[in-house]
C-alpha atoms as a PDB file:
ATOM      1  CA  MET A   1     -34.348  13.236   9.656  1.00  0.00           C
ATOM      2  CA  SER A   2     -31.024  12.849  11.391  1.00  0.00           C
ATOM      3  CA  PHE A   3     -27.989  13.568   9.228  1.00  0.00           C
ATOM      4  CA  VAL A   4     -25.893  11.265  11.460  1.00  0.00           C
ATOM      5  CA  GLU A   5     -27.617   8.099  12.647  1.00  0.00           C
ATOM      6  CA  THR A   6     -26.427   5.790  15.401  1.00  0.00           C
ATOM      7  CA  GLU A   7     -27.208   2.188  16.311  1.00  0.00           C
ATOM      8  CA  ILE A   8     -26.150   0.011  19.236  1.00  0.00           C
ATOM      9  CA  ASN A   9     -25.617  -3.753  19.018  1.00  0.00           C
ATOM     10  CA  GLY A  10     -24.250  -4.867  22.361  1.00  0.00           C
ATOM     11  CA  GLN A  11     -20.884  -3.163  22.727  1.00  0.00           C
ATOM     12  CA  ILE A  12     -20.744  -2.185  19.036  1.00  0.00           C
ATOM     13  CA  PHE A  13     -21.737   1.388  18.114  1.00  0.00           C
ATOM     14  CA  THR A  14     -22.496   2.132  14.455  1.00  0.00           C
ATOM     15  CA  ILE A  15     -22.275   5.736  13.248  1.00  0.00           C
ATOM     16  CA  ARG A  16     -23.838   6.312   9.827  1.00  0.00           C
ATOM     17  CA  LEU A  17     -23.514   9.560   7.870  1.00  0.00           C
ATOM     18  CA  ASN A  18     -26.925  10.135   6.344  1.00  0.00           C
ATOM     19  CA  ARG A  19     -27.077  12.943   3.817  1.00  0.00           C
ATOM     20  CA  PRO A  20     -26.873  10.916   0.582  1.00  0.00           C
ATOM     21  CA  GLU A  21     -28.011  13.742  -1.710  1.00  0.00           C
ATOM     22  CA  ARG A  22     -24.706  15.494  -0.883  1.00  0.00           C
ATOM     23  CA  LEU A  23     -22.674  12.285  -0.690  1.00  0.00           C
ATOM     24  CA  ASN A  24     -22.446  12.844   3.085  1.00  0.00           C
ATOM     25  CA  ALA A  25     -20.157  15.845   2.584  1.00  0.00           C
ATOM     26  CA  LEU A  26     -18.722  17.472   5.701  1.00  0.00           C
ATOM     27  CA  SER A  27     -21.330  20.170   6.153  1.00  0.00           C
ATOM     28  CA  THR A  28     -21.813  21.822   9.522  1.00  0.00           C
ATOM     29  CA  VAL A  29     -24.715  19.510  10.381  1.00  0.00           C
ATOM     30  CA  ILE A  30     -22.676  16.403   9.549  1.00  0.00           C
ATOM     31  CA  ARG A  31     -19.690  17.626  11.572  1.00  0.00           C
ATOM     32  CA  GLU A  32     -21.874  18.449  14.552  1.00  0.00           C
ATOM     33  CA  GLY A  33     -23.654  15.098  14.327  1.00  0.00           C
ATOM     34  CA  MET A  34     -20.353  13.218  14.225  1.00  0.00           C
ATOM     35  CA  ALA A  35     -19.037  15.203  17.193  1.00  0.00           C
ATOM     36  CA  ARG A  36     -22.073  14.223  19.261  1.00  0.00           C
ATOM     37  CA  ALA A  37     -21.946  10.581  18.162  1.00  0.00           C
ATOM     38  CA  PHE A  38     -18.242  10.113  18.823  1.00  0.00           C
ATOM     39  CA  THR A  39     -18.533  11.923  22.165  1.00  0.00           C
ATOM     40  CA  ARG A  40     -21.204   9.438  23.187  1.00  0.00           C
ATOM     41  CA  PHE A  41     -18.995   6.556  22.063  1.00  0.00           C
ATOM     42  CA  HIS A  42     -16.010   8.044  23.901  1.00  0.00           C
ATOM     43  CA  GLU A  43     -17.873   8.537  27.178  1.00  0.00           C
ATOM     44  CA  ASP A  44     -20.106   5.448  27.308  1.00  0.00           C
ATOM     45  CA  ASN A  45     -18.261   2.652  29.131  1.00  0.00           C
ATOM     46  CA  ASP A  46     -20.655   0.063  27.704  1.00  0.00           C
ATOM     47  CA  LEU A  47     -19.518   0.796  24.127  1.00  0.00           C
ATOM     48  CA  GLU A  48     -16.180  -0.640  23.000  1.00  0.00           C
ATOM     49  CA  VAL A  49     -15.972  -0.679  19.170  1.00  0.00           C
ATOM     50  CA  ALA A  50     -17.365   1.783  16.621  1.00  0.00           C
ATOM     51  CA  ILE A  51     -18.190   1.265  12.949  1.00  0.00           C
ATOM     52  CA  LEU A  52     -18.238   4.413  10.779  1.00  0.00           C
ATOM     53  CA  THR A  53     -20.095   4.202   7.459  1.00  0.00           C
ATOM     54  CA  GLY A  54     -22.299   6.204   5.095  1.00  0.00           C
ATOM     55  CA  THR A  55     -25.639   6.045   3.319  1.00  0.00           C
ATOM     56  CA  GLY A  56     -25.991   5.954  -0.469  1.00  0.00           C
ATOM     57  CA  ARG A  57     -23.235   6.269  -3.082  1.00  0.00           C
ATOM     58  CA  GLY A  58     -20.867   8.139  -0.811  1.00  0.00           C
ATOM     59  CA  PHE A  59     -19.027   7.291   2.361  1.00  0.00           C
ATOM     60  CA  CYS A  60     -18.116  10.966   2.603  1.00  0.00           C
ATOM     61  CA  ALA A  61     -17.280  13.378  -0.228  1.00  0.00           C
ATOM     62  CA  GLY A  62     -15.229  15.655   2.029  1.00  0.00           C
ATOM     63  CA  GLU A  63     -15.742  19.389   2.272  1.00  0.00           C
ATOM     64  CA  ASP A  64     -19.242  20.600   1.456  1.00  0.00           C
ATOM     65  CA  MET A  65     -18.130  23.061  -1.209  1.00  0.00           C
ATOM     66  CA  LYS A  66     -21.598  24.501  -1.770  1.00  0.00           C
ATOM     67  CA  GLU A  67     -21.590  25.495   1.880  1.00  0.00           C
ATOM     68  CA  SER A  68     -18.054  26.892   1.520  1.00  0.00           C
ATOM     69  CA  VAL A  69     -19.095  29.055  -1.426  1.00  0.00           C
ATOM     70  CA  GLU A  70     -22.162  30.292   0.474  1.00  0.00           C
ATOM     71  CA  ARG A  71     -20.060  31.481   3.425  1.00  0.00           C
ATOM     72  CA  GLY A  72     -17.084  32.584   1.287  1.00  0.00           C
ATOM     73  CA  ILE A  73     -14.520  30.616   3.293  1.00  0.00           C
ATOM     74  CA  ALA A  74     -12.577  27.603   2.004  1.00  0.00           C
ATOM     75  CA  GLY A  75     -12.491  24.459   4.089  1.00  0.00           C
ATOM     76  CA  SER A  76     -14.498  23.364   7.103  1.00  0.00           C
ATOM     77  CA  PRO A  77     -13.419  25.695   9.910  1.00  0.00           C
ATOM     78  CA  LYS A  78     -13.952  24.422  13.452  1.00  0.00           C
ATOM     79  CA  GLU A  79     -15.641  27.663  14.448  1.00  0.00           C
ATOM     80  CA  MET A  80     -18.573  26.748  12.191  1.00  0.00           C
ATOM     81  CA  VAL A  81     -19.413  23.931  14.618  1.00  0.00           C
ATOM     82  CA  GLU A  82     -20.954  24.697  18.020  1.00  0.00           C
ATOM     83  CA  GLN A  83     -18.133  25.812  20.296  1.00  0.00           C
ATOM     84  CA  ASP A  84     -18.892  23.298  23.041  1.00  0.00           C
ATOM     85  CA  LEU A  85     -18.711  20.339  20.634  1.00  0.00           C
ATOM     86  CA  VAL A  86     -15.433  18.417  20.442  1.00  0.00           C
ATOM     87  CA  ASN A  87     -15.086  15.338  18.245  1.00  0.00           C
ATOM     88  CA  PRO A  88     -12.791  12.863  20.069  1.00  0.00           C
ATOM     89  CA  PHE A  89     -12.271  10.930  16.821  1.00  0.00           C
ATOM     90  CA  GLN A  90     -11.130  13.991  14.864  1.00  0.00           C
ATOM     91  CA  GLU A  91      -9.023  15.310  17.762  1.00  0.00           C
ATOM     92  CA  GLY A  92      -7.136  12.020  18.124  1.00  0.00           C
ATOM     93  CA  ILE A  93      -8.051  11.513  21.774  1.00  0.00           C
ATOM     94  CA  LEU A  94     -10.331   8.513  21.220  1.00  0.00           C
ATOM     95  CA  GLN A  95      -8.866   5.351  22.769  1.00  0.00           C
ATOM     96  CA  LYS A  96     -11.399   2.863  21.406  1.00  0.00           C
ATOM     97  CA  PRO A  97     -11.074   1.162  17.988  1.00  0.00           C
ATOM     98  CA  VAL A  98     -13.010   2.510  15.015  1.00  0.00           C
ATOM     99  CA  ILE A  99     -13.677   0.380  11.930  1.00  0.00           C
ATOM    100  CA  GLY A 100     -14.243   2.245   8.672  1.00  0.00           C
ATOM    101  CA  ALA A 101     -16.925   0.597   6.510  1.00  0.00           C
ATOM    102  CA  VAL A 102     -16.468   2.384   3.189  1.00  0.00           C
ATOM    103  CA  ASN A 103     -19.639   2.087   1.120  1.00  0.00           C
ATOM    104  CA  GLY A 104     -18.762   4.514  -1.691  1.00  0.00           C
ATOM    105  CA  PHE A 105     -16.825   7.674  -2.508  1.00  0.00           C
ATOM    106  CA  ALA A 106     -14.257   8.589   0.166  1.00  0.00           C
ATOM    107  CA  MET A 107     -12.771  11.855  -1.028  1.00  0.00           C
ATOM    108  CA  GLY A 108     -10.833  14.722   0.538  1.00  0.00           C
ATOM    109  CA  GLY A 109     -11.977  15.036   4.129  1.00  0.00           C
ATOM    110  CA  GLY A 110     -13.854  11.769   3.657  1.00  0.00           C
ATOM    111  CA  PHE A 111     -10.586  10.066   2.782  1.00  0.00           C
ATOM    112  CA  MET A 112      -9.138  11.563   5.959  1.00  0.00           C
ATOM    113  CA  LEU A 113     -11.972  10.039   7.981  1.00  0.00           C
ATOM    114  CA  VAL A 114     -10.998   6.622   6.640  1.00  0.00           C
ATOM    115  CA  GLU A 115      -7.363   7.428   7.378  1.00  0.00           C
ATOM    116  CA  ARG A 116      -8.199   8.016  11.049  1.00  0.00           C
ATOM    117  CA  THR A 117      -9.927   4.643  11.410  1.00  0.00           C
ATOM    118  CA  ASP A 118      -7.990   1.726  12.850  1.00  0.00           C
ATOM    119  CA  LEU A 119      -9.312  -1.028  10.568  1.00  0.00           C
ATOM    120  CA  ARG A 120     -10.994  -0.699   7.161  1.00  0.00           C
ATOM    121  CA  VAL A 121     -13.378  -2.695   4.998  1.00  0.00           C
ATOM    122  CA  ALA A 122     -14.671  -1.402   1.657  1.00  0.00           C
ATOM    123  CA  VAL A 123     -16.987  -2.428  -1.143  1.00  0.00           C
ATOM    124  CA  LYS A 124     -15.114  -3.104  -4.381  1.00  0.00           C
ATOM    125  CA  SER A 125     -16.911  -0.220  -6.101  1.00  0.00           C
ATOM    126  CA  ALA A 126     -15.663   2.365  -3.579  1.00  0.00           C
ATOM    127  CA  ILE A 127     -13.444   5.170  -4.860  1.00  0.00           C
ATOM    128  CA  PHE A 128     -10.747   6.965  -2.876  1.00  0.00           C
ATOM    129  CA  GLU A 129      -9.315  10.410  -3.605  1.00  0.00           C
ATOM    130  CA  MET A 130      -7.136  12.742  -1.576  1.00  0.00           C
ATOM    131  CA  SER A 131      -8.464  15.977  -3.096  1.00  0.00           C
ATOM    132  CA  GLU A 132      -6.173  18.625  -1.576  1.00  0.00           C
ATOM    133  CA  ALA A 133      -4.292  19.288  -4.830  1.00  0.00           C
ATOM    134  CA  LYS A 134      -7.609  20.283  -6.444  1.00  0.00           C
ATOM    135  CA  ARG A 135      -8.751  22.638  -3.693  1.00  0.00           C
ATOM    136  CA  TRP A 136      -5.646  24.127  -2.027  1.00  0.00           C
ATOM    137  CA  LEU A 137      -2.144  25.244  -3.052  1.00  0.00           C
ATOM    138  CA  LEU A 138      -0.457  22.057  -1.842  1.00  0.00           C
ATOM    139  CA  GLY A 139      -1.491  18.477  -2.552  1.00  0.00           C
ATOM    140  CA  GLY A 140      -1.931  15.823   0.097  1.00  0.00           C
ATOM    141  CA  TYR A 141       1.786  15.207   0.547  1.00  0.00           C
ATOM    142  CA  ASN A 142       1.446  13.549   3.951  1.00  0.00           C
ATOM    143  CA  HIS A 143      -1.261  10.951   3.469  1.00  0.00           C
ATOM    144  CA  GLY A 144       0.812   8.352   1.685  1.00  0.00           C
ATOM    145  CA  HIS A 145       3.357   8.740   4.478  1.00  0.00           C
ATOM    146  CA  TYR A 146       0.695   8.063   7.117  1.00  0.00           C
ATOM    147  CA  GLY A 147      -0.359   5.002   5.138  1.00  0.00           C
ATOM    148  CA  ASN A 148       3.247   3.797   4.793  1.00  0.00           C
ATOM    149  CA  LEU A 149       2.720   3.578   1.027  1.00  0.00           C
ATOM    150  CA  PRO A 150       5.415   3.371  -1.687  1.00  0.00           C
ATOM    151  CA  HIS A 151       6.543   6.781  -2.953  1.00  0.00           C
ATOM    152  CA  PRO A 152       4.908   6.532  -6.430  1.00  0.00           C
ATOM    153  CA  ILE A 153       1.579   5.599  -4.833  1.00  0.00           C
ATOM    154  CA  ALA A 154       1.930   8.421  -2.312  1.00  0.00           C
ATOM    155  CA  THR A 155       2.687  10.823  -5.181  1.00  0.00           C
ATOM    156  CA  GLU A 156      -0.339   9.619  -7.157  1.00  0.00           C
ATOM    157  CA  MET A 157      -2.453  10.177  -4.061  1.00  0.00           C
ATOM    158  CA  ALA A 158      -0.936  13.642  -3.460  1.00  0.00           C
ATOM    159  CA  PHE A 159      -1.868  14.767  -6.985  1.00  0.00           C
ATOM    160  CA  GLY A 160      -5.547  13.917  -6.435  1.00  0.00           C
ATOM    161  CA  TYR A 161      -5.914  10.908  -8.718  1.00  0.00           C
ATOM    162  CA  ARG A 162      -8.890   8.671  -8.039  1.00  0.00           C
ATOM    163  CA  ILE A 163      -7.886   5.229  -6.811  1.00  0.00           C
ATOM    164  CA  SER A 164     -10.101   2.135  -6.721  1.00  0.00           C
ATOM    165  CA  ALA A 165     -10.835   0.206  -3.540  1.00  0.00           C
ATOM    166  CA  GLU A 166      -9.177  -2.859  -5.072  1.00  0.00           C
ATOM    167  CA  ARG A 167      -5.938  -0.934  -5.580  1.00  0.00           C
ATOM    168  CA  MET A 168      -6.083   0.507  -2.080  1.00  0.00           C
ATOM    169  CA  HIS A 169      -6.501  -3.036  -0.814  1.00  0.00           C
ATOM    170  CA  GLN A 170      -3.506  -4.193  -2.852  1.00  0.00           C
ATOM    171  CA  VAL A 171      -1.251  -1.507  -1.352  1.00  0.00           C
ATOM    172  CA  GLY A 172      -2.406  -2.242   2.179  1.00  0.00           C
ATOM    173  CA  PHE A 173      -4.591   0.788   2.926  1.00  0.00           C
ATOM    174  CA  VAL A 174      -7.790  -1.310   3.148  1.00  0.00           C
ATOM    175  CA  ASN A 175      -7.968  -4.504   5.236  1.00  0.00           C
ATOM    176  CA  ARG A 176     -10.924  -6.244   3.602  1.00  0.00           C
ATOM    177  CA  LEU A 177     -12.854  -6.019   0.310  1.00  0.00           C
ATOM    178  CA  VAL A 178     -16.471  -7.125  -0.136  1.00  0.00           C
ATOM    179  CA  GLU A 179     -18.970  -7.151  -2.973  1.00  0.00           C
ATOM    180  CA  ASP A 180     -21.840  -5.021  -1.662  1.00  0.00           C
ATOM    181  CA  GLU A 181     -23.164  -3.010   1.273  1.00  0.00           C
ATOM    182  CA  ILE A 182     -24.816  -5.992   2.950  1.00  0.00           C
ATOM    183  CA  GLU A 183     -21.506  -7.850   3.030  1.00  0.00           C
ATOM    184  CA  LEU A 184     -19.811  -4.609   4.078  1.00  0.00           C
ATOM    185  CA  MET A 185     -21.690  -4.335   7.351  1.00  0.00           C
ATOM    186  CA  GLU A 186     -21.489  -8.076   7.959  1.00  0.00           C
ATOM    187  CA  GLU A 187     -17.700  -7.996   7.596  1.00  0.00           C
ATOM    188  CA  ALA A 188     -17.394  -4.847   9.715  1.00  0.00           C
ATOM    189  CA  HIS A 189     -19.372  -6.545  12.481  1.00  0.00           C
ATOM    190  CA  LYS A 190     -17.203  -9.672  12.227  1.00  0.00           C
ATOM    191  CA  MET A 191     -14.120  -7.506  12.688  1.00  0.00           C
ATOM    192  CA  ALA A 192     -15.740  -5.751  15.654  1.00  0.00           C
ATOM    193  CA  GLU A 193     -16.806  -9.041  17.227  1.00  0.00           C
ATOM    194  CA  HIS A 194     -13.244 -10.365  16.937  1.00  0.00           C
ATOM    195  CA  LEU A 195     -11.967  -7.316  18.829  1.00  0.00           C
ATOM    196  CA  LEU A 196     -14.512  -8.013  21.563  1.00  0.00           C
ATOM    197  CA  THR A 197     -13.183 -11.574  22.027  1.00  0.00           C
ATOM    198  CA  LEU A 198      -9.816 -10.198  23.140  1.00  0.00           C
ATOM    199  CA  PRO A 199      -8.989  -9.541  26.793  1.00  0.00           C
ATOM    200  CA  PRO A 200     -10.137  -5.948  27.396  1.00  0.00           C
ATOM    201  CA  ALA A 201      -6.683  -4.794  28.491  1.00  0.00           C
ATOM    202  CA  SER A 202      -5.141  -6.400  25.406  1.00  0.00           C
ATOM    203  CA  ARG A 203      -7.501  -4.545  23.083  1.00  0.00           C
ATOM    204  CA  VAL A 204      -6.980  -1.208  24.846  1.00  0.00           C
ATOM    205  CA  ASN A 205      -3.203  -1.532  25.234  1.00  0.00           C
ATOM    206  CA  THR A 206      -2.639  -2.767  21.677  1.00  0.00           C
ATOM    207  CA  LEU A 207      -4.632   0.092  20.172  1.00  0.00           C
ATOM    208  CA  TYR A 208      -2.683   2.564  22.317  1.00  0.00           C
ATOM    209  CA  MET A 209       0.623   1.052  21.140  1.00  0.00           C
ATOM    210  CA  MET A 210      -0.360   0.981  17.472  1.00  0.00           C
ATOM    211  CA  LYS A 211      -1.433   4.638  17.544  1.00  0.00           C
ATOM    212  CA  LEU A 212       1.906   5.644  19.041  1.00  0.00           C
ATOM    213  CA  MET A 213       3.764   3.682  16.344  1.00  0.00           C
ATOM    214  CA  ALA A 214       1.875   5.306  13.456  1.00  0.00           C
ATOM    215  CA  PRO A 215       4.094   7.363  11.055  1.00  0.00           C
ATOM    216  CA  LYS A 216       4.306  11.084  11.769  1.00  0.00           C
ATOM    217  CA  ILE A 217       5.516  14.091   9.760  1.00  0.00           C
ATOM    218  CA  PRO A 218       8.783  15.724  10.979  1.00  0.00           C
ATOM    219  CA  ASN A 219       8.385  19.296  12.253  1.00  0.00           C
ATOM    220  CA  ASN A 220      10.509  20.866   9.504  1.00  0.00           C
ATOM    221  CA  ILE A 221       8.376  19.209   6.796  1.00  0.00           C
ATOM    222  CA  ALA A 222       5.195  20.417   8.502  1.00  0.00           C
ATOM    223  CA  GLU A 223       6.601  23.969   8.680  1.00  0.00           C
ATOM    224  CA  LEU A 224       7.460  23.910   4.980  1.00  0.00           C
ATOM    225  CA  ALA A 225       3.957  22.646   4.205  1.00  0.00           C
ATOM    226  CA  GLU A 226       2.438  25.647   6.015  1.00  0.00           C
ATOM    227  CA  LYS A 227       4.458  27.985   3.780  1.00  0.00           C
ATOM    228  CA  LEU A 228       3.599  26.071   0.601  1.00  0.00           C
ATOM    229  CA  HIS A 229      -0.108  26.240   1.431  1.00  0.00           C
ATOM    230  CA  LEU A 230       0.211  30.015   0.902  1.00  0.00           C
ATOM    231  CA  HIS A 231       2.734  29.928  -1.975  1.00  0.00           C
ATOM    232  CA  GLY A 232       0.550  31.161  -4.819  1.00  0.00           C
ATOM    233  CA  ASP A 233      -2.594  33.152  -5.406  1.00  0.00           C
ATOM    234  CA  THR A 234      -4.824  32.038  -2.541  1.00  0.00           C
ATOM    235  CA  GLU A 235      -7.882  33.266  -4.460  1.00  0.00           C
ATOM    236  CA  ASP A 236      -7.499  30.096  -6.559  1.00  0.00           C
ATOM    237  CA  ARG A 237      -8.756  28.115  -3.569  1.00  0.00           C
ATOM    238  CA  MET A 238     -12.163  29.772  -3.728  1.00  0.00           C
ATOM    239  CA  GLU A 239     -12.165  29.702  -7.542  1.00  0.00           C
ATOM    240  CA  SER A 240     -11.846  25.924  -7.343  1.00  0.00           C
ATOM    241  CA  ARG A 241     -14.908  25.731  -5.130  1.00  0.00           C
ATOM    242  CA  ARG A 242     -16.962  28.199  -7.175  1.00  0.00           C
ATOM    243  CA  ALA A 243     -16.192  26.275 -10.366  1.00  0.00           C
ATOM    244  CA  PHE A 244     -17.231  23.026  -8.705  1.00  0.00           C
ATOM    245  CA  ALA A 245     -20.501  24.512  -7.432  1.00  0.00           C
ATOM    246  CA  GLU A 246     -21.221  26.106 -10.828  1.00  0.00           C
ATOM    247  CA  LYS A 247     -20.150  22.985 -12.760  1.00  0.00           C
ATOM    248  CA  ARG A 248     -17.645  24.819 -14.952  1.00  0.00           C
ATOM    249  CA  THR A 249     -13.922  24.819 -15.709  1.00  0.00           C
ATOM    250  CA  PRO A 250     -11.983  26.892 -13.154  1.00  0.00           C
ATOM    251  CA  ASN A 251      -9.975  29.967 -14.190  1.00  0.00           C
ATOM    252  CA  TYR A 252      -6.816  29.893 -12.081  1.00  0.00           C
ATOM    253  CA  ASN A 253      -4.291  32.705 -11.620  1.00  0.00           C
ATOM    254  CA  GLY A 254      -1.440  30.578 -10.280  1.00  0.00           C
ATOM    255  CA  TRP A 255       0.804  33.204  -8.668  1.00  0.00           C
ATOM    256  CA  LEU A 256       0.475  36.878  -7.820  1.00  0.00           C
ATOM    257  CA  LYS A 257       3.961  37.370  -9.276  1.00  0.00           C
ATOM    258  CA  PRO A 258       5.168  35.090 -12.120  1.00  0.00           C
ATOM    259  CA  GLU A 259       8.639  34.823 -10.566  1.00  0.00           C
ATOM    260  CA  ASP A 260       7.144  33.262  -7.410  1.00  0.00           C
ATOM    261  CA  ARG A 261       6.739  30.007  -9.332  1.00  0.00           C
ATOM    262  CA  TYR A 262      10.472  29.347  -8.922  1.00  0.00           C
ATOM    263  CA  ASN A 263      11.009  31.235  -5.672  1.00  0.00           C
ATOM    264  CA  MET A 264      10.213  28.272  -3.443  1.00  0.00           C
ATOM    265  CA  PRO A 265      10.298  28.305   0.357  1.00  0.00           C
ATOM    266  CA  LYS A 266      13.289  26.362   1.671  1.00  0.00           C
ATOM    267  CA  LEU A 267      13.269  23.276   3.838  1.00  0.00           C
ATOM    268  CA  LYS A 268      15.043  23.886   7.125  1.00  0.00           C
ATOM    269  CA  GLU A 269      17.329  21.238   8.561  1.00  0.00           C
ATOM    270  CA  ASN A 270      15.537  19.400  11.334  1.00  0.00           C
END
């Protein structure tokens, strides 16, 4: 069984994450399969639009925390994937449109996959969560900014609240809502077919322009974020994952020194 399936319909390339028993979490095999699929899409001149979706209840649940606990390292380090594999979609070098067809839970790294897509359609039952606040020492402060969302919504997202597909549609993060998975793929294909009706140069140039116009994080904010990611007892990151894998309440330390709670790194002037 392939953990990442692909299908070609004319110039449309569908990439389907296919490990439903783990909600298509970003295990090494899923990451490698996506890298191969998106490399094929990137290099094949006969393919022009991709649709990214999942099988089962999950679009993608993000980091495979059981795998993280097994190897004793938090996150999904690139070195765990074959060294010669580069994912053009993840690296931001892909210059063809990708439509996210969100069939279920899109959480953590799965949310970030949706975030990288250019257009999005979701079933009404889908759930979104930016999970960084639950797994690291800094919540997902930047994702609401990328989505150009109002500050309270961005803050809700940063703190790891679960947000319904209908609400994400209301705030402009999702383009289309549908009732079920059949309608999901039908709508995704309609969106892809519309893109293919455009003059090729128009489609390519417009995507290039829109990517350049996307919101970015200023360098001084990014530097502060790097410091905040280490501002606390970093062992809590693995405790979060162990507790999840063992289905128990985590026992967090917080800070190595109690006074560090108020000794915050400073934001430099840009």
